[in-house]
Amino acid sequence: MQIIVRDNNVDQALRALKKKLQREGVYREMKLRRHYEKPSEKRARERAAAIRRARKLERKRRRARRLPLSPPSVYGAITCRLAKLPSAPSIAGAPCAC
């Protein structure tokens, strides 16, 4: 990696170097390698990153097609059913938001 220092302006060259290192992912790599990461932890981290990327891509596709951003949530129905249980505290008899 090469950075050109113009007019003895070291501060500007240093900023350019930091920006290049950031784009290349050197800082992220250094952070990951500070401590040993078990193979199972690495797989879990990579799997979570892949899921995040897929969800982000799906959001972008839905926005491009002007569809709702997310499908109906399964978890919303589950929490709704839990709220109807007699032991669950209700909010002043408010109707279900589902």
N, C-alpha and C. Protein backbone atom coordinates (compact mmCIF):
# COMPACT_ATOMS: atom_id res chain seq x y z
N MET A 1 0.85 -1.16 0.00
CA MET A 1 0.00 0.00 0.00
C MET A 1 0.90 1.23 0.00
N GLN A 2 0.55 2.18 -0.80
CA GLN A 2 1.41 3.35 -0.96
C GLN A 2 0.58 4.62 -0.82
N ILE A 3 1.08 5.55 -0.02
CA ILE A 3 0.44 6.85 0.17
C ILE A 3 1.45 7.92 -0.20
N ILE A 4 1.03 8.87 -1.00
CA ILE A 4 1.92 9.95 -1.43
C ILE A 4 1.73 11.15 -0.50
N VAL A 5 2.83 11.67 0.03
CA VAL A 5 2.81 12.86 0.89
C VAL A 5 3.07 14.06 0.00
N ARG A 6 2.08 14.95 -0.07
CA ARG A 6 2.21 16.14 -0.92
C ARG A 6 2.48 17.36 -0.06
N ASP A 7 3.42 18.16 -0.45
CA ASP A 7 3.77 19.41 0.22
C ASP A 7 4.05 19.21 1.71
N ASN A 8 4.71 18.12 2.05
CA ASN A 8 5.05 17.80 3.44
C ASN A 8 3.82 17.81 4.37
N ASN A 9 2.67 17.51 3.81
CA ASN A 9 1.44 17.48 4.60
C ASN A 9 1.22 16.04 5.09
N VAL A 10 1.84 15.74 6.23
CA VAL A 10 1.81 14.39 6.78
C VAL A 10 0.42 14.07 7.34
N ASP A 11 -0.27 15.06 7.90
CA ASP A 11 -1.59 14.82 8.47
C ASP A 11 -2.57 14.34 7.40
N GLN A 12 -2.54 14.97 6.26
CA GLN A 12 -3.43 14.58 5.17
C GLN A 12 -3.07 13.17 4.67
N ALA A 13 -1.79 12.88 4.58
CA ALA A 13 -1.37 11.55 4.15
C ALA A 13 -1.78 10.49 5.16
N LEU A 14 -1.69 10.82 6.43
CA LEU A 14 -2.09 9.88 7.47
C LEU A 14 -3.60 9.60 7.41
N ARG A 15 -4.39 10.64 7.17
CA ARG A 15 -5.84 10.44 7.02
C ARG A 15 -6.14 9.55 5.82
N ALA A 16 -5.43 9.77 4.73
CA ALA A 16 -5.63 8.95 3.54
C ALA A 16 -5.26 7.49 3.81
N LEU A 17 -4.17 7.28 4.56
CA LEU A 17 -3.75 5.93 4.92
C LEU A 17 -4.81 5.24 5.78
N LYS A 18 -5.32 5.95 6.77
CA LYS A 18 -6.34 5.37 7.64
C LYS A 18 -7.59 5.01 6.85
N LYS A 19 -7.96 5.85 5.91
CA LYS A 19 -9.14 5.59 5.10
C LYS A 19 -8.94 4.34 4.23
N LYS A 20 -7.73 4.21 3.66
CA LYS A 20 -7.45 3.02 2.85
C LYS A 20 -7.46 1.75 3.69
N LEU A 21 -6.87 1.83 4.89
CA LEU A 21 -6.87 0.67 5.79
C LEU A 21 -8.29 0.29 6.18
N GLN A 22 -9.12 1.28 6.42
CA GLN A 22 -10.52 1.03 6.78
C GLN A 22 -11.25 0.34 5.64
N ARG A 23 -11.07 0.82 4.42
CA ARG A 23 -11.73 0.23 3.26
C ARG A 23 -11.27 -1.20 3.01
N GLU A 24 -10.01 -1.46 3.25
CA GLU A 24 -9.46 -2.80 3.02
C GLU A 24 -9.88 -3.79 4.10
N GLY A 25 -10.39 -3.30 5.23
CA GLY A 25 -10.83 -4.18 6.30
C GLY A 25 -9.71 -4.61 7.23
N VAL A 26 -8.61 -3.87 7.24
CA VAL A 26 -7.46 -4.22 8.08
C VAL A 26 -7.82 -4.06 9.56
N TYR A 27 -8.55 -2.99 9.90
CA TYR A 27 -8.91 -2.76 11.29
C TYR A 27 -9.83 -3.87 11.80
N ARG A 28 -10.78 -4.27 10.97
CA ARG A 28 -11.70 -5.34 11.37
C ARG A 28 -10.93 -6.64 11.59
N GLU A 29 -9.99 -6.93 10.70
CA GLU A 29 -9.17 -8.14 10.81
C GLU A 29 -8.32 -8.10 12.09
N MET A 30 -7.74 -6.95 12.39
CA MET A 30 -6.94 -6.83 13.61
C MET A 30 -7.80 -7.05 14.85
N LYS A 31 -8.99 -6.51 14.84
CA LYS A 31 -9.89 -6.67 15.98
C LYS A 31 -10.25 -8.14 16.18
N LEU A 32 -10.52 -8.84 15.08
CA LEU A 32 -10.88 -10.26 15.18
C LEU A 32 -9.71 -11.11 15.66
N ARG A 33 -8.51 -10.74 15.34
CA ARG A 33 -7.34 -11.55 15.67
C ARG A 33 -6.70 -11.19 17.02
N ARG A 34 -7.29 -10.28 17.75
CA ARG A 34 -6.73 -9.93 19.07
C ARG A 34 -6.80 -11.12 20.02
N HIS A 35 -7.88 -11.90 19.90
CA HIS A 35 -8.07 -13.05 20.76
C HIS A 35 -8.38 -14.25 19.89
N TYR A 36 -8.11 -15.44 20.43
CA TYR A 36 -8.42 -16.66 19.71
C TYR A 36 -9.93 -16.82 19.61
N GLU A 37 -10.38 -17.22 18.44
CA GLU A 37 -11.80 -17.45 18.22
C GLU A 37 -11.99 -18.92 17.89
N LYS A 38 -12.80 -19.59 18.70
CA LYS A 38 -13.04 -21.01 18.48
C LYS A 38 -13.72 -21.20 17.12
N PRO A 39 -13.47 -22.33 16.47
CA PRO A 39 -14.11 -22.57 15.17
C PRO A 39 -15.63 -22.49 15.22
N SER A 40 -16.22 -22.96 16.31
CA SER A 40 -17.69 -22.89 16.42
C SER A 40 -18.16 -21.44 16.53
N GLU A 41 -17.39 -20.60 17.23
CA GLU A 41 -17.74 -19.18 17.34
C GLU A 41 -17.59 -18.49 15.99
N LYS A 42 -16.56 -18.89 15.25
CA LYS A 42 -16.34 -18.30 13.93
C LYS A 42 -17.49 -18.65 12.99
N ARG A 43 -17.91 -19.93 13.02
CA ARG A 43 -19.03 -20.35 12.18
C ARG A 43 -20.30 -19.59 12.55
N ALA A 44 -20.54 -19.44 13.84
CA ALA A 44 -21.74 -18.73 14.28
C ALA A 44 -21.69 -17.27 13.85
N ARG A 45 -20.54 -16.65 13.97
CA ARG A 45 -20.39 -15.24 13.56
C ARG A 45 -20.61 -15.10 12.06
N GLU A 46 -20.01 -16.00 11.29
CA GLU A 46 -20.15 -15.93 9.83
C GLU A 46 -21.59 -16.21 9.41
N ARG A 47 -22.24 -17.16 10.09
CA ARG A 47 -23.64 -17.47 9.78
C ARG A 47 -24.53 -16.26 10.07
N ALA A 48 -24.29 -15.60 11.20
CA ALA A 48 -25.08 -14.42 11.54
C ALA A 48 -24.85 -13.30 10.53
N ALA A 49 -23.61 -13.15 10.09
CA ALA A 49 -23.31 -12.12 9.09
C ALA A 49 -24.01 -12.43 7.77
N ALA A 50 -24.05 -13.71 7.39
CA ALA A 50 -24.72 -14.10 6.15
C ALA A 50 -26.22 -13.82 6.25
N ILE A 51 -26.80 -14.07 7.40
CA ILE A 51 -28.23 -13.80 7.60
C ILE A 51 -28.49 -12.30 7.50
N ARG A 52 -27.62 -11.49 8.13
CA ARG A 52 -27.78 -10.03 8.05
C ARG A 52 -27.70 -9.56 6.61
N ARG A 53 -26.72 -10.09 5.85
CA ARG A 53 -26.59 -9.69 4.45
C ARG A 53 -27.83 -10.07 3.65
N ALA A 54 -28.35 -11.28 3.86
CA ALA A 54 -29.53 -11.73 3.13
C ALA A 54 -30.74 -10.86 3.45
N ARG A 55 -30.93 -10.53 4.73
CA ARG A 55 -32.05 -9.67 5.11
C ARG A 55 -31.93 -8.29 4.52
N LYS A 56 -30.71 -7.76 4.52
CA LYS A 56 -30.48 -6.43 3.94
C LYS A 56 -30.79 -6.44 2.45
N LEU A 57 -30.34 -7.49 1.76
CA LEU A 57 -30.60 -7.60 0.33
C LEU A 57 -32.10 -7.71 0.06
N GLU A 58 -32.81 -8.49 0.88
CA GLU A 58 -34.25 -8.62 0.72
C GLU A 58 -34.95 -7.29 0.95
N ARG A 59 -34.50 -6.52 1.96
CA ARG A 59 -35.09 -5.19 2.18
C ARG A 59 -34.89 -4.29 0.97
N LYS A 60 -33.68 -4.34 0.40
CA LYS A 60 -33.40 -3.50 -0.78
C LYS A 60 -34.29 -3.92 -1.95
N ARG A 61 -34.48 -5.23 -2.14
CA ARG A 61 -35.34 -5.72 -3.23
C ARG A 61 -36.78 -5.28 -3.02
N ARG A 62 -37.25 -5.39 -1.78
CA ARG A 62 -38.63 -4.99 -1.49
C ARG A 62 -38.82 -3.50 -1.70
N ARG A 63 -37.85 -2.70 -1.31
CA ARG A 63 -37.96 -1.25 -1.54
C ARG A 63 -37.99 -0.95 -3.03
N ALA A 64 -37.17 -1.66 -3.80
CA ALA A 64 -37.12 -1.42 -5.24
C ALA A 64 -38.46 -1.77 -5.89
N ARG A 65 -39.15 -2.80 -5.36
CA ARG A 65 -40.44 -3.20 -5.91
C ARG A 65 -41.60 -2.54 -5.18
N ARG A 66 -41.30 -1.67 -4.21
CA ARG A 66 -42.30 -0.94 -3.42
C ARG A 66 -43.27 -1.88 -2.71
N LEU A 67 -42.73 -2.94 -2.13
CA LEU A 67 -43.51 -3.88 -1.34
C LEU A 67 -43.35 -3.54 0.14
N PRO A 68 -44.19 -4.12 1.00
CA PRO A 68 -43.97 -3.90 2.44
C PRO A 68 -42.58 -4.37 2.83
N LEU A 69 -41.97 -3.69 3.79
CA LEU A 69 -40.58 -3.99 4.14
C LEU A 69 -40.40 -5.35 4.78
N SER A 70 -41.37 -5.83 5.54
CA SER A 70 -41.19 -7.14 6.15
C SER A 70 -42.50 -7.89 6.13
N PRO A 71 -42.44 -9.21 5.99
CA PRO A 71 -43.67 -10.00 6.02
C PRO A 71 -44.25 -9.99 7.43
N PRO A 72 -45.51 -10.38 7.59
CA PRO A 72 -46.10 -10.39 8.94
C PRO A 72 -45.26 -11.22 9.89
N SER A 73 -45.09 -10.73 11.06
CA SER A 73 -44.22 -11.38 12.04
C SER A 73 -44.93 -12.52 12.74
N VAL A 74 -44.27 -13.64 12.83
CA VAL A 74 -44.80 -14.77 13.59
C VAL A 74 -44.75 -14.43 15.07
N TYR A 75 -43.72 -13.70 15.49
CA TYR A 75 -43.55 -13.38 16.89
C TYR A 75 -44.65 -12.46 17.39
N GLY A 76 -45.19 -11.61 16.52
CA GLY A 76 -46.28 -10.74 16.93
C GLY A 76 -47.50 -11.55 17.34
N ALA A 77 -47.81 -12.60 16.60
CA ALA A 77 -48.95 -13.45 16.92
C ALA A 77 -48.72 -14.18 18.24
N ILE A 78 -47.50 -14.60 18.48
CA ILE A 78 -47.19 -15.31 19.72
C ILE A 78 -47.35 -14.38 20.91
N THR A 79 -46.83 -13.18 20.82
CA THR A 79 -46.95 -12.25 21.94
C THR A 79 -48.40 -11.83 22.14
N CYS A 80 -49.17 -11.77 21.05
CA CYS A 80 -50.58 -11.43 21.15
C CYS A 80 -51.30 -12.51 21.96
N ARG A 81 -51.06 -13.77 21.65
CA ARG A 81 -51.70 -14.87 22.38
C ARG A 81 -51.29 -14.83 23.85
N LEU A 82 -50.03 -14.49 24.10
CA LEU A 82 -49.58 -14.42 25.48
C LEU A 82 -50.27 -13.30 26.23
N ALA A 83 -50.55 -12.21 25.55
CA ALA A 83 -51.19 -11.07 26.20
C ALA A 83 -52.63 -11.40 26.59
N LYS A 84 -53.28 -12.36 25.90
CA LYS A 84 -54.66 -12.72 26.19
C LYS A 84 -54.77 -13.68 27.37
N LEU A 85 -53.65 -14.20 27.84
CA LEU A 85 -53.70 -15.09 28.99
C LEU A 85 -54.13 -14.31 30.22
N PRO A 86 -54.89 -14.95 31.12
CA PRO A 86 -55.36 -14.23 32.30
C PRO A 86 -54.24 -13.79 33.24
N SER A 87 -53.12 -14.51 33.25
CA SER A 87 -52.03 -14.14 34.16
C SER A 87 -51.21 -12.97 33.64
N ALA A 88 -51.33 -12.67 32.34
CA ALA A 88 -50.56 -11.58 31.76
C ALA A 88 -51.22 -10.24 32.07
N PRO A 89 -50.44 -9.24 32.46
CA PRO A 89 -51.03 -7.93 32.75
C PRO A 89 -51.52 -7.28 31.45
N SER A 90 -52.72 -6.74 31.48
CA SER A 90 -53.24 -6.07 30.28
C SER A 90 -53.10 -4.57 30.45
N ILE A 91 -53.10 -3.89 29.33
CA ILE A 91 -52.94 -2.44 29.34
C ILE A 91 -54.32 -1.81 29.20
N ALA A 92 -55.01 -1.62 30.29
CA ALA A 92 -56.32 -0.96 30.36
C ALA A 92 -57.28 -1.51 29.33
N GLY A 93 -57.28 -2.83 29.14
CA GLY A 93 -58.21 -3.47 28.21
C GLY A 93 -58.00 -3.06 26.78
N ALA A 94 -56.80 -2.70 26.42
CA ALA A 94 -56.51 -2.27 25.06
C ALA A 94 -56.67 -3.44 24.10
N PRO A 95 -57.25 -3.19 22.91
CA PRO A 95 -57.42 -4.27 21.95
C PRO A 95 -56.06 -4.75 21.43
N CYS A 96 -56.08 -5.94 20.91
CA CYS A 96 -54.86 -6.55 20.39
C CYS A 96 -54.36 -5.75 19.19
N ALA A 97 -53.05 -5.57 19.07
CA ALA A 97 -52.47 -4.78 17.97
C ALA A 97 -52.22 -5.63 16.73
N CYS A 98 -52.52 -6.93 16.80
CA CYS A 98 -52.24 -7.82 15.66
C CYS A 98 -53.14 -7.50 14.53
